[in-house]
Protein backbone atom coordinates (compact mmCIF):
# COMPACT_ATOMS: atom_id res chain seq x y z
CA MET A 1 76.22 155.71 65.81
CA MET A 2 76.25 152.28 67.52
CA THR A 3 79.35 151.49 69.47
CA THR A 4 80.52 148.15 70.87
CA SER A 5 81.32 148.15 74.53
CA PRO A 6 84.62 146.67 75.71
CA GLN A 7 82.62 144.00 77.59
CA SER A 8 80.78 142.78 74.47
CA GLU A 9 84.00 142.73 72.48
CA ALA A 10 85.61 140.64 75.19
CA THR A 11 82.84 138.02 75.05
CA GLN A 12 83.02 137.50 71.28
CA PRO A 13 86.16 135.24 71.32
CA HIS A 14 84.59 133.27 74.16
CA ARG A 15 81.43 132.68 72.10
CA LYS A 16 83.50 131.59 69.10
CA ARG A 17 85.40 129.13 71.27
CA ASN A 18 82.09 127.72 72.57
CA LYS A 19 80.79 127.22 69.03
CA ILE A 20 83.99 125.45 67.99
CA TRP A 21 83.85 123.25 71.09
CA PHE A 22 80.20 122.29 70.52
CA TRP A 23 80.86 121.52 66.84
CA SER A 24 83.85 119.36 67.78
CA LEU A 25 81.81 117.53 70.40
CA GLY A 26 79.00 116.90 67.92
CA ILE A 27 81.38 115.54 65.29
CA GLY A 28 83.00 113.32 67.92
CA PHE A 29 79.66 111.79 68.91
CA LEU A 30 78.78 111.29 65.24
CA LEU A 31 82.03 109.43 64.58
CA LEU A 32 81.57 107.36 67.73
CA GLY A 33 78.07 106.39 66.59
CA LEU A 34 79.29 105.40 63.14
CA PHE A 35 82.08 103.29 64.63
CA GLY A 36 79.63 101.60 66.99
CA GLY A 37 77.34 100.79 64.08
CA TRP A 38 80.26 99.33 62.13
CA LEU A 39 81.19 97.12 65.07
CA ALA A 40 77.60 95.88 65.32
CA ILE A 41 77.56 94.99 61.62
CA GLN A 42 80.86 93.12 61.94
CA PHE A 43 79.54 91.16 64.90
CA MET A 44 76.30 90.19 63.14
CA THR A 45 78.11 89.11 59.97
CA GLY A 46 80.68 86.93 61.71
CA TRP A 47 83.24 89.09 63.50
CA GLN A 48 84.97 85.97 64.80
CA SER A 49 86.02 85.04 61.27
CA LEU A 50 88.21 88.15 61.19
CA THR A 51 90.03 87.29 64.40
CA PRO A 52 92.91 84.77 64.41
CA PRO A 53 91.48 81.89 66.46
CA SER A 54 93.02 79.90 69.27
CA TYR A 55 91.95 76.36 68.41
CA ASN A 56 90.97 73.70 70.93
CA GLY A 57 92.39 70.92 68.75
CA MET A 58 96.06 70.10 68.27
CA VAL A 59 97.07 72.32 65.34
CA LEU A 60 99.73 71.39 62.81
CA GLN A 61 102.17 74.29 62.60
CA SER A 62 102.79 73.47 58.94
CA PRO A 63 99.61 71.96 57.44
CA GLU A 64 100.29 69.15 54.98
CA ARG A 65 98.34 68.32 51.86
CA MET A 66 97.64 64.64 52.25
CA GLY A 67 97.69 61.96 49.60
CA ASP A 68 94.46 60.60 48.21
CA PHE A 69 92.99 57.16 48.80
CA THR A 70 89.99 55.28 47.44
CA LEU A 71 87.94 52.75 49.41
CA ALA A 72 84.51 51.14 49.25
CA SER A 73 81.77 53.16 50.92
CA HIS A 74 78.89 51.87 53.04
CA THR A 75 76.74 52.13 49.90
CA GLY A 76 79.13 49.87 47.98
CA GLU A 77 80.46 52.66 45.75
CA ALA A 78 84.13 53.54 45.37
CA VAL A 79 84.81 56.81 47.21
CA SER A 80 87.99 58.88 47.24
CA LEU A 81 89.04 61.35 49.91
CA SER A 82 89.50 63.96 47.19
CA ASP A 83 85.77 63.73 46.41
CA PHE A 84 85.21 65.94 49.44
CA ARG A 85 87.39 68.88 48.44
CA GLY A 86 85.46 72.01 49.27
CA GLN A 87 84.26 70.54 52.57
CA ILE A 88 85.84 70.16 56.00
CA VAL A 89 86.46 66.44 56.54
CA MET A 90 86.47 64.90 60.01
CA LEU A 91 88.36 61.65 59.37
CA TYR A 92 88.17 58.89 61.96
CA PHE A 93 89.57 55.35 61.92
CA GLY A 94 87.47 52.98 64.03
CA TYR A 95 85.20 49.95 63.84
CA THR A 96 81.59 49.07 64.50
CA TYR A 97 82.30 46.48 67.21
CA CYS A 98 84.28 49.02 69.23
CA PRO A 99 82.81 48.89 72.76
CA ASP A 100 83.24 52.48 73.90
CA VAL A 101 85.69 54.91 72.28
CA CYS A 102 84.24 54.82 68.75
CA PRO A 103 80.57 55.35 69.62
CA ALA A 104 81.48 58.07 72.12
CA THR A 105 83.55 59.85 69.47
CA LEU A 106 80.82 59.63 66.84
CA VAL A 107 78.27 61.09 69.26
CA GLU A 108 80.52 64.11 69.86
CA LEU A 109 81.06 64.57 66.11
CA LYS A 110 77.32 64.37 65.48
CA ASN A 111 76.59 66.98 68.15
CA ALA A 112 79.40 69.26 66.98
CA ARG A 113 78.10 69.17 63.43
CA ASN A 114 74.56 69.92 64.58
CA GLU A 115 75.79 72.98 66.47
CA LEU A 116 76.93 74.53 63.20
CA GLY A 117 73.38 75.12 61.99
CA LYS A 118 73.36 76.24 58.36
CA TYR A 119 77.07 75.39 58.06
CA ALA A 120 76.59 71.72 58.99
CA ASP A 121 76.64 70.62 55.35
CA ASP A 122 80.14 72.11 55.01
CA VAL A 123 81.44 69.37 57.32
CA GLN A 124 81.65 65.70 56.31
CA VAL A 125 82.32 62.99 58.90
CA ILE A 126 84.03 59.90 57.49
CA MET A 127 84.75 56.74 59.47
CA VAL A 128 87.25 54.35 57.93
CA SER A 129 86.76 50.87 59.38
CA VAL A 130 89.89 49.11 60.61
CA ASP A 131 88.00 45.81 60.85
CA PRO A 132 87.70 44.53 57.27
CA GLN A 133 86.71 41.02 58.38
CA ARG A 134 83.49 42.07 60.11
CA ASP A 135 82.63 45.56 58.88
CA THR A 136 80.92 44.96 55.58
CA PRO A 137 79.33 47.93 53.77
CA GLU A 138 75.91 46.78 55.03
CA ILE A 139 77.05 46.66 58.65
CA LEU A 140 78.72 50.05 58.31
CA ALA A 141 75.55 51.56 56.85
CA ASP A 142 73.41 50.18 59.67
CA TYR A 143 75.87 51.29 62.34
CA LEU A 144 76.36 54.86 61.11
CA SER A 145 72.63 55.41 60.65
CA TYR A 146 72.29 55.35 64.45
CA PHE A 147 74.45 58.46 64.67
CA ASP A 148 73.83 60.59 61.57
CA PRO A 149 72.60 59.59 58.10
CA SER A 150 75.13 61.98 56.57
CA PHE A 151 78.11 60.08 58.01
CA ILE A 152 80.08 58.07 55.46
CA GLY A 153 81.71 54.72 56.22
CA LEU A 154 84.63 53.35 54.22
CA THR A 155 86.23 49.92 54.16
CA GLY A 156 88.63 47.85 52.09
CA THR A 157 91.19 45.09 52.31
CA GLU A 158 93.69 45.13 55.13
CA GLU A 159 96.39 46.25 52.70
CA GLU A 160 94.23 49.11 51.42
CA LEU A 161 93.41 50.24 54.94
CA ILE A 162 97.06 50.22 56.01
CA ALA A 163 97.96 52.26 52.92
CA ALA A 164 95.22 54.79 53.77
CA ALA A 165 96.05 55.02 57.48
CA THR A 166 99.85 55.10 57.48
CA PRO A 167 100.34 58.62 56.01
CA TYR A 168 98.21 59.99 58.86
CA GLY A 169 100.21 58.20 61.53
CA VAL A 170 97.22 56.00 62.34
CA PHE A 171 97.94 52.60 63.90
CA PHE A 172 95.61 49.64 64.27
CA GLU A 173 96.10 46.01 65.29
CA ALA A 174 93.59 43.26 66.03
CA ASN A 175 93.87 41.38 69.30
CA GLU A 176 93.51 37.62 69.57
CA GLY A 177 90.20 36.13 68.58
CA THR A 178 88.10 35.13 65.61
CA VAL A 179 84.95 36.38 63.95
CA GLU A 180 83.07 33.67 65.84
CA THR A 181 84.59 34.33 69.29
CA GLY A 182 84.93 38.07 68.87
CA TYR A 183 87.95 40.32 69.29
CA THR A 184 88.87 43.93 69.92
CA ILE A 185 91.17 46.15 67.89
CA ASP A 186 93.73 48.56 69.26
CA HIS A 187 93.69 51.70 67.13
CA THR A 188 94.53 55.37 67.11
CA ALA A 189 91.52 57.18 68.55
CA ALA A 190 92.21 60.65 67.15
CA VAL A 191 89.93 62.56 64.80
CA LEU A 192 91.81 64.15 61.90
CA VAL A 193 90.62 67.46 60.45
CA ILE A 194 91.22 68.07 56.74
CA ASP A 195 90.39 71.49 55.32
CA ARG A 196 88.60 72.38 52.08
CA ASP A 197 91.85 72.23 50.10
CA GLY A 198 92.87 68.79 51.36
CA TYR A 199 95.36 69.95 54.00
CA LEU A 200 95.59 68.20 57.34
CA ARG A 201 95.04 71.09 59.76
CA MET A 202 94.60 69.59 63.21
CA MET A 203 93.63 66.55 65.22
CA TYR A 204 91.46 65.86 68.24
CA PRO A 205 92.54 63.29 70.81
CA PHE A 206 89.82 61.20 72.40
CA GLY A 207 87.88 63.12 75.02
CA MET A 208 87.28 66.41 73.22
CA THR A 209 83.72 67.67 73.66
CA SER A 210 81.31 68.60 70.90
CA ASP A 211 81.35 72.23 72.09
CA GLN A 212 85.13 72.41 71.73
CA ILE A 213 85.01 70.83 68.28
CA ALA A 214 82.13 73.02 67.09
CA GLU A 215 83.96 76.15 68.23
CA ASP A 216 86.90 75.25 65.98
CA LEU A 217 84.71 74.24 63.07
CA ALA A 218 82.90 77.58 63.22
CA TYR A 219 86.20 79.21 62.24
CA LEU A 220 87.21 76.62 59.67
CA VAL A 221 83.96 76.73 57.69
CA ARG A 222 84.46 80.50 57.27
CA ASP A 223 88.18 80.27 56.52
């Protein structure tokens, strides 16, 4: 009859513990691998959209749904702000004869939009002219084409422009001069960001770079 020695009996619990330990270790590595794969998928599909962002622009703590306005576009058609619901609107009040701030701002907006790649069409840049005497639809069309053909220019009477600008806290005032002699216009240089639902979300003071703007837009287009 076969008998089990005390030594072999003593090693059996040790072997069982080894098996349990190896099984636990294997399961742990399996779970770690699955979690790593999940993280990779989240990163490739836009992990940043799941993380509350810290925006570069000046964020409104309580976003406001802004009133609508209708002005004449650079194509001569009547265009309303509400026509762009479903897109992110970058709203800027400027003028084509602006010597420095306006063209510099439009260049940054163009570059920021281009950085979005396939999401670029989700962002619409609109410049509302604050110079109704000189900025005809034709001049607006010619001016904006130098920056991006997708940009939209709007204009109207002085009364219409004041009504459109005031709710946004935008100020503009022409300095002395005539159409013949030329003149400059003091105006708010901020870019206003309106989300897909028509809420004013943030603003960019003059001097923000295209990289900073594009970083914010990358979150907003996925919001």
